[in-house]
Amino acid sequence: MSRIAIIGAGSWGTALGIVAGRAGHEVRFWYRNVEVVEAINRERVNTVYLPPHEIPKGVEATNDFEEALSDAEFVLLAAPSHVTRELVSNMLPLLQPHMIFVSATKGIEIETGKRISEVLLEVLNGDFEPRFVCLSGPSFAQEVAAGHPTAVVAASQNLEDASLVQSALSFQNLRIYTNTDVVGTEIGGAVKNVMAIAAGMVSGLGLGTNSVAALITRGLAEITRFALAQGARMETLMGLAGMGDLVLTCTGGLSRNRFVGQELGKGRSLEEIIGGMHEVAEGVKTTRAVYRLAQHLHVEMPITGEVHSVLYEGKKAADAAGELMVRPLRGERDNF
């Protein structure tokens, strides 16, 4: 059995901790919210983010980085992307070359356009080469904790490290596959959140399943163009980290990003929507990062552009949907 540190105790981090605890690993959550830490340790439930699922024995929580990271073999990064750089910087004196860093964060840093693997490499700044694995795929935290069959992928340039994560976290209902395409896996997990906001807007506008299906299909083409321009592999985007996660997030009722889009489609303001949510909808910030990076890379991303206009330029969701329908006609595979 292994010692696992999980940085972040939102719903997804908690679900992974529950699975790891059930598998017999010794798990330590780090979280800054005292209420969550105390609930996990005293009540054996994360009452804020993942009730009513019981936290197994061997899983504890702390506000102390040193306590969380002591003797850890795996460090799971499960905090929102926009705070990851700060957290890793704060942990830096405690990080060791033998640790395997597992990113369960599906986002891109706004200011730099960097993926989590790139942020980690930059913060370490040559201290050592991090053993990095990206964990991504179609996975709602509530369903994982409830024991519903779930398949995700662990991606690393070092297949041995991906296999170690696969062995450590595959348990009962959670099945993990491996690949070596970190770029494609990270991008698929991040940009699908942008598409989920778009799919939610379509639903909130009262449009039907024809519209949602078209959005998902063209969204996959858009994600694929963006990922291939950065060195990803096509097959990754056709798999769990691409199409699988995209379909789930665009159609599932538990999707926070889809919820944001749906409420925007109904006419609510972004500030009002975000103000009423307990957890971060990664797609809101990721939209800005992807939009900027796509412009820099000269990659055409019309859906992302319209979502950006709604989120940050005051455009109405109905007008954004209309813009997509009047774009010039083209071949389905043009510029794929």
Protein backbone atom coordinates (compact mmCIF):
# COMPACT_ATOMS: atom_id res chain seq x y z
CA MET A 1 0.00 0.00 0.00
CA SER A 2 1.10 3.58 -0.72
CA ARG A 3 1.08 6.96 1.01
CA ILE A 4 -0.93 9.43 -1.06
CA ALA A 5 -1.20 13.20 -0.56
CA ILE A 6 -4.18 14.92 -2.16
CA ILE A 7 -3.88 18.69 -2.52
CA GLY A 8 -7.43 19.94 -2.58
CA ALA A 9 -10.58 18.42 -1.08
CA GLY A 10 -13.30 19.51 -3.45
CA SER A 11 -15.65 16.89 -4.86
CA TRP A 12 -13.21 15.27 -7.30
CA GLY A 13 -10.26 15.23 -4.92
CA THR A 14 -12.49 13.76 -2.22
CA ALA A 15 -13.82 11.07 -4.56
CA LEU A 16 -10.28 10.03 -5.48
CA GLY A 17 -9.38 9.95 -1.78
CA ILE A 18 -12.36 7.73 -1.07
CA VAL A 19 -11.34 5.30 -3.82
CA ALA A 20 -7.72 5.29 -2.61
CA GLY A 21 -8.86 4.73 0.96
CA ARG A 22 -11.09 1.84 -0.05
CA ALA A 23 -8.10 0.34 -1.84
CA GLY A 24 -6.19 0.39 1.46
CA HIS A 25 -3.83 3.31 0.81
CA GLU A 26 -2.89 5.82 3.49
CA VAL A 27 -4.32 9.14 2.30
CA ARG A 28 -3.74 12.66 3.56
CA PHE A 29 -5.83 15.53 2.22
CA TRP A 30 -4.47 19.05 2.38
CA TYR A 31 -7.14 21.73 2.37
CA ARG A 32 -7.22 25.33 3.57
CA ASN A 33 -10.88 25.25 4.68
CA VAL A 34 -10.94 24.31 8.39
CA GLU A 35 -14.61 23.28 8.22
CA VAL A 36 -13.88 20.69 5.55
CA VAL A 37 -10.78 19.37 7.36
CA GLU A 38 -12.65 18.97 10.63
CA ALA A 39 -15.65 17.29 8.98
CA ILE A 40 -13.44 14.72 7.26
CA ASN A 41 -11.56 13.91 10.46
CA ARG A 42 -14.49 13.99 12.86
CA GLU A 43 -17.60 13.06 10.88
CA ARG A 44 -15.89 10.96 8.17
CA VAL A 45 -17.81 12.89 5.50
CA ASN A 46 -16.90 15.90 3.37
CA THR A 47 -20.11 17.69 4.29
CA VAL A 48 -19.38 20.70 2.07
CA TYR A 49 -18.37 19.09 -1.22
CA LEU A 50 -19.28 15.40 -1.34
CA PRO A 51 -22.01 14.35 1.07
CA PRO A 52 -23.15 11.78 2.02
CA HIS A 53 -20.25 9.48 1.05
CA GLU A 54 -18.28 8.03 3.94
CA ILE A 55 -14.55 8.70 4.16
CA PRO A 56 -12.77 5.35 4.76
CA LYS A 57 -10.38 4.60 7.58
CA GLY A 58 -6.82 5.56 6.75
CA VAL A 59 -7.92 8.83 5.15
CA GLU A 60 -7.26 12.01 7.14
CA ALA A 61 -7.21 15.74 6.41
CA THR A 62 -4.89 18.54 7.47
CA ASN A 63 -4.13 22.24 6.91
CA ASP A 64 -0.40 21.50 7.17
CA PHE A 65 1.55 20.84 3.95
CA GLU A 66 4.34 19.06 5.81
CA GLU A 67 1.92 16.63 7.44
CA ALA A 68 0.16 15.96 4.15
CA LEU A 69 3.33 15.44 2.11
CA SER A 70 5.45 13.51 4.62
CA ASP A 71 6.57 10.19 3.04
CA ALA A 72 4.11 10.65 0.16
CA GLU A 73 4.75 8.50 -2.92
CA PHE A 74 1.96 10.10 -4.94
CA VAL A 75 0.93 13.78 -4.84
CA LEU A 76 -2.49 14.33 -6.41
CA LEU A 77 -3.09 17.92 -7.51
CA ALA A 78 -6.85 18.39 -7.24
CA ALA A 79 -7.19 22.15 -6.72
CA PRO A 80 -8.51 24.56 -9.40
CA SER A 81 -6.02 25.42 -12.13
CA HIS A 82 -5.82 29.12 -11.24
CA VAL A 83 -4.39 28.36 -7.76
CA THR A 84 -2.13 25.46 -8.73
CA ARG A 85 1.00 27.56 -9.29
CA GLU A 86 0.64 29.19 -5.86
CA LEU A 87 0.07 25.87 -4.11
CA VAL A 88 3.01 24.12 -5.76
CA SER A 89 5.23 27.10 -4.97
CA ASN A 90 4.20 26.89 -1.31
CA MET A 91 4.94 23.16 -1.25
CA LEU A 92 8.25 23.47 -3.06
CA PRO A 93 10.61 22.94 -0.08
CA LEU A 94 8.79 19.68 0.73
CA LEU A 95 8.72 18.16 -2.77
CA GLN A 96 11.02 15.26 -3.59
CA PRO A 97 12.24 13.72 -6.88
CA HIS A 98 10.77 10.30 -6.06
CA MET A 99 7.21 11.67 -5.81
CA ILE A 100 4.80 11.02 -8.67
CA PHE A 101 2.71 14.13 -9.33
CA VAL A 102 -0.79 13.27 -10.54
CA SER A 103 -2.83 16.12 -11.97
CA ALA A 104 -6.57 15.71 -11.49
CA THR A 105 -7.07 19.37 -12.46
CA LYS A 106 -8.83 20.08 -15.74
CA GLY A 107 -7.83 23.60 -16.66
CA ILE A 108 -5.29 25.90 -18.29
CA GLU A 109 -3.60 28.81 -16.53
CA ILE A 110 -5.11 32.08 -17.78
CA GLU A 111 -2.10 34.36 -17.57
CA THR A 112 0.32 32.03 -19.34
CA GLY A 113 -1.80 29.55 -21.32
CA LYS A 114 0.22 26.75 -19.71
CA ARG A 115 -1.08 23.31 -18.88
CA ILE A 116 -0.61 21.92 -15.35
CA SER A 117 2.41 19.84 -16.45
CA GLU A 118 4.06 23.02 -17.73
CA VAL A 119 3.21 24.97 -14.58
CA LEU A 120 4.76 22.25 -12.42
CA LEU A 121 7.91 22.15 -14.54
CA GLU A 122 8.23 25.93 -14.40
CA VAL A 123 7.77 26.15 -10.62
CA LEU A 124 10.32 23.40 -9.98
CA ASN A 125 12.70 25.43 -12.17
CA GLY A 126 15.30 22.72 -12.64
CA ASP A 127 15.35 21.48 -9.02
CA PHE A 128 14.45 18.08 -10.47
CA GLU A 129 12.48 16.63 -13.39
CA PRO A 130 8.97 15.90 -12.06
CA ARG A 131 7.44 12.48 -12.56
CA PHE A 132 4.15 13.74 -13.99
CA VAL A 133 0.91 11.89 -14.73
CA CYS A 134 -2.33 13.47 -15.95
CA LEU A 135 -5.50 11.72 -14.76
CA SER A 136 -8.50 12.60 -16.90
CA GLY A 137 -11.65 11.22 -18.45
CA PRO A 138 -15.44 11.07 -18.03
CA SER A 139 -15.88 11.04 -14.26
CA PHE A 140 -18.42 12.79 -12.06
CA ALA A 141 -17.23 12.70 -8.45
CA GLN A 142 -20.63 11.76 -7.01
CA GLU A 143 -20.89 8.72 -9.28
CA VAL A 144 -17.33 7.55 -8.58
CA ALA A 145 -17.91 7.78 -4.82
CA ALA A 146 -21.25 6.00 -5.21
CA GLY A 147 -19.55 3.05 -6.90
CA HIS A 148 -20.76 3.56 -10.47
CA PRO A 149 -18.44 1.96 -13.08
CA THR A 150 -16.07 4.65 -14.38
CA ALA A 151 -13.16 4.59 -16.84
CA VAL A 152 -10.46 7.27 -17.03
CA VAL A 153 -6.93 7.54 -18.41
CA ALA A 154 -3.53 8.13 -16.80
CA ALA A 155 -1.12 9.81 -19.23
CA SER A 156 2.61 10.21 -18.78
CA GLN A 157 5.65 10.45 -21.01
CA ASN A 158 7.01 7.72 -18.75
CA LEU A 159 4.66 4.78 -19.20
CA GLU A 160 6.01 3.14 -16.05
CA ASP A 161 4.80 6.08 -13.96
CA ALA A 162 1.39 5.96 -15.64
CA SER A 163 1.22 2.25 -14.86
CA LEU A 164 2.05 2.90 -11.19
CA VAL A 165 -0.87 5.33 -10.96
CA GLN A 166 -3.05 2.84 -12.80
CA SER A 167 -2.20 0.11 -10.30
CA ALA A 168 -2.58 2.35 -7.24
CA LEU A 169 -5.95 3.91 -8.07
CA SER A 170 -7.76 1.28 -10.14
CA PHE A 171 -10.12 -0.31 -7.62
CA GLN A 172 -13.58 -1.83 -7.83
CA ASN A 173 -15.63 0.61 -9.95
CA LEU A 174 -12.73 2.82 -11.11
CA ARG A 175 -10.82 1.48 -14.11
CA ILE A 176 -7.77 3.35 -15.38
CA TYR A 177 -6.19 3.03 -18.82
CA THR A 178 -2.77 4.45 -19.75
CA ASN A 179 -1.26 6.41 -22.61
CA THR A 180 1.82 8.55 -23.26
CA ASP A 181 0.06 11.61 -24.74
CA VAL A 182 0.17 14.13 -21.90
CA VAL A 183 -0.60 17.08 -24.19
CA GLY A 184 -3.75 15.56 -25.67
CA THR A 185 -4.99 14.29 -22.32
CA GLU A 186 -4.53 17.65 -20.59
CA ILE A 187 -6.08 19.65 -23.43
CA GLY A 188 -9.03 17.30 -23.83
CA GLY A 189 -9.84 17.56 -20.13
CA ALA A 190 -9.56 21.34 -20.09
CA VAL A 191 -11.25 22.45 -23.30
CA LYS A 192 -14.26 20.16 -22.94
CA ASN A 193 -15.34 22.47 -20.11
CA VAL A 194 -15.59 25.34 -22.58
CA MET A 195 -17.77 23.20 -24.84
CA ALA A 196 -19.92 22.19 -21.87
CA ILE A 197 -20.71 25.86 -21.23
CA ALA A 198 -21.75 26.14 -24.88
CA ALA A 199 -23.88 23.00 -24.64
CA GLY A 200 -25.51 24.37 -21.52
CA MET A 201 -26.34 27.62 -23.30
CA VAL A 202 -28.01 25.64 -26.09
CA SER A 203 -30.10 23.80 -23.52
CA GLY A 204 -30.91 26.96 -21.58
CA LEU A 205 -32.16 28.59 -24.75
CA GLY A 206 -34.71 25.79 -25.06
CA LEU A 207 -33.11 24.18 -28.12
CA GLY A 208 -33.34 20.43 -28.55
CA THR A 209 -31.08 17.41 -28.77
CA ASN A 210 -30.31 18.01 -32.45
CA SER A 211 -28.59 21.24 -31.44
CA VAL A 212 -26.70 19.67 -28.54
CA ALA A 213 -25.48 16.78 -30.73
CA ALA A 214 -24.24 19.22 -33.37
CA LEU A 215 -22.48 21.29 -30.71
CA ILE A 216 -20.73 18.25 -29.23
CA THR A 217 -19.59 16.99 -32.63
CA ARG A 218 -18.26 20.33 -33.84
CA GLY A 219 -16.82 20.95 -30.39
CA LEU A 220 -14.78 17.78 -30.68
CA ALA A 221 -13.44 18.95 -34.04
CA GLU A 222 -12.49 22.28 -32.45
CA ILE A 223 -10.74 20.63 -29.49
CA THR A 224 -8.90 18.32 -31.85
CA ARG A 225 -7.61 21.18 -34.03
CA PHE A 226 -6.40 22.99 -30.94
CA ALA A 227 -4.72 19.91 -29.47
CA LEU A 228 -3.05 18.76 -32.69
CA ALA A 229 -1.54 22.22 -33.14
CA GLN A 230 0.29 21.62 -29.85
CA GLY A 231 1.55 18.13 -30.63
CA ALA A 232 -1.28 15.92 -29.34
CA ARG A 233 -2.31 12.68 -31.01
CA MET A 234 -5.64 12.25 -32.78
CA GLU A 235 -6.43 8.94 -31.05
CA THR A 236 -6.25 10.58 -27.63
CA LEU A 237 -9.00 13.02 -28.58
CA MET A 238 -11.15 10.15 -29.85
CA GLY A 239 -10.79 8.35 -26.51
CA LEU A 240 -11.72 8.77 -22.86
CA ALA A 241 -9.88 12.07 -22.31
CA GLY A 242 -11.42 13.61 -25.42
CA MET A 243 -14.74 12.39 -26.75
CA GLY A 244 -15.64 10.49 -23.58
CA ASP A 245 -15.21 13.42 -21.23
CA LEU A 246 -16.78 15.84 -23.72
CA VAL A 247 -19.99 13.81 -24.05
CA LEU A 248 -20.32 13.42 -20.27
CA THR A 249 -19.72 17.08 -19.45
CA CYS A 250 -21.98 18.40 -22.21
CA THR A 251 -24.94 16.16 -21.35
CA GLY A 252 -24.68 15.18 -17.67
CA GLY A 253 -26.83 16.89 -15.08
CA LEU A 254 -23.93 16.93 -12.58
CA SER A 255 -21.74 19.11 -14.82
CA ARG A 256 -20.96 22.47 -13.21
CA ASN A 257 -19.85 23.94 -16.54
CA ARG A 258 -23.01 22.85 -18.31
CA PHE A 259 -25.00 24.39 -15.45
CA VAL A 260 -23.24 27.74 -15.93
CA GLY A 261 -24.07 27.70 -19.65
CA GLN A 262 -27.65 26.65 -19.05
CA GLU A 263 -28.23 29.52 -16.64
CA LEU A 264 -26.60 31.96 -19.06
CA GLY A 265 -28.98 30.70 -21.74
CA LYS A 266 -31.88 31.49 -19.41
CA GLY A 267 -30.66 35.06 -19.12
CA ARG A 268 -28.96 35.10 -15.72
CA SER A 269 -25.70 37.02 -15.28
CA LEU A 270 -22.38 35.23 -14.85
CA GLU A 271 -21.77 36.99 -11.52
CA GLU A 272 -25.09 35.79 -10.14
CA ILE A 273 -24.50 32.23 -11.30
CA ILE A 274 -20.95 31.94 -9.96
CA GLY A 275 -21.94 33.61 -6.69
CA GLY A 276 -24.34 30.79 -5.92
CA MET A 277 -21.93 27.92 -6.62
CA HIS A 278 -19.88 26.05 -4.00
CA GLU A 279 -17.21 24.85 -6.46
CA VAL A 280 -15.30 26.30 -9.38
CA ALA A 281 -16.58 25.79 -12.92
CA GLU A 282 -13.17 25.47 -14.60
CA GLY A 283 -14.54 26.33 -18.02
CA VAL A 284 -15.19 29.97 -17.10
CA LYS A 285 -11.52 30.81 -16.62
CA THR A 286 -10.30 28.22 -19.13
CA THR A 287 -12.35 29.89 -21.87
CA ARG A 288 -10.21 33.00 -21.57
CA ALA A 289 -6.97 31.00 -21.60
CA VAL A 290 -7.99 28.89 -24.60
CA TYR A 291 -9.27 31.90 -26.53
CA ARG A 292 -5.98 33.73 -26.11
CA LEU A 293 -3.86 30.70 -26.91
CA ALA A 294 -5.93 29.83 -30.00
CA GLN A 295 -5.36 33.34 -31.34
CA HIS A 296 -1.63 33.00 -30.71
CA LEU A 297 -1.54 29.63 -32.48
CA HIS A 298 -3.84 30.82 -35.31
CA VAL A 299 -6.27 27.96 -34.63
CA GLU A 300 -9.89 28.54 -35.64
CA MET A 301 -12.18 27.97 -32.62
CA PRO A 302 -15.60 29.52 -33.36
CA ILE A 303 -17.46 27.90 -30.43
CA THR A 304 -14.80 29.03 -27.97
CA GLY A 305 -14.97 32.50 -29.47
CA GLU A 306 -18.73 32.75 -28.95
CA VAL A 307 -18.51 31.42 -25.38
CA HIS A 308 -15.80 34.02 -24.70
CA SER A 309 -18.07 36.75 -26.08
CA VAL A 310 -20.91 35.71 -23.77
CA LEU A 311 -18.71 35.37 -20.68
CA TYR A 312 -16.51 38.42 -21.13
CA GLU A 313 -17.99 40.76 -23.73
CA GLY A 314 -21.64 40.94 -22.71
CA LYS A 315 -23.02 39.09 -25.73
CA LYS A 316 -26.37 37.35 -25.32
CA ALA A 317 -26.39 33.55 -25.54
CA ALA A 318 -29.09 33.62 -28.24
CA ASP A 319 -26.96 35.93 -30.40
CA ALA A 320 -23.93 33.66 -29.93
CA ALA A 321 -25.92 30.62 -31.08
CA GLY A 322 -27.16 32.57 -34.09
CA GLU A 323 -23.63 33.57 -35.07
CA LEU A 324 -22.56 29.92 -35.23
CA MET A 325 -25.44 29.08 -37.57
CA VAL A 326 -24.63 31.80 -40.11
CA ARG A 327 -20.94 31.01 -40.47
CA PRO A 328 -19.78 30.30 -44.06
CA LEU A 329 -20.59 26.79 -45.31
CA ARG A 330 -17.65 24.40 -45.56
CA GLY A 331 -16.60 20.77 -45.80
CA GLU A 332 -16.89 18.78 -42.60
CA ARG A 333 -13.19 17.87 -42.57
CA ASP A 334 -11.84 21.27 -43.67
CA ASN A 335 -8.93 22.41 -41.50
CA PHE A 336 -9.50 19.52 -39.10
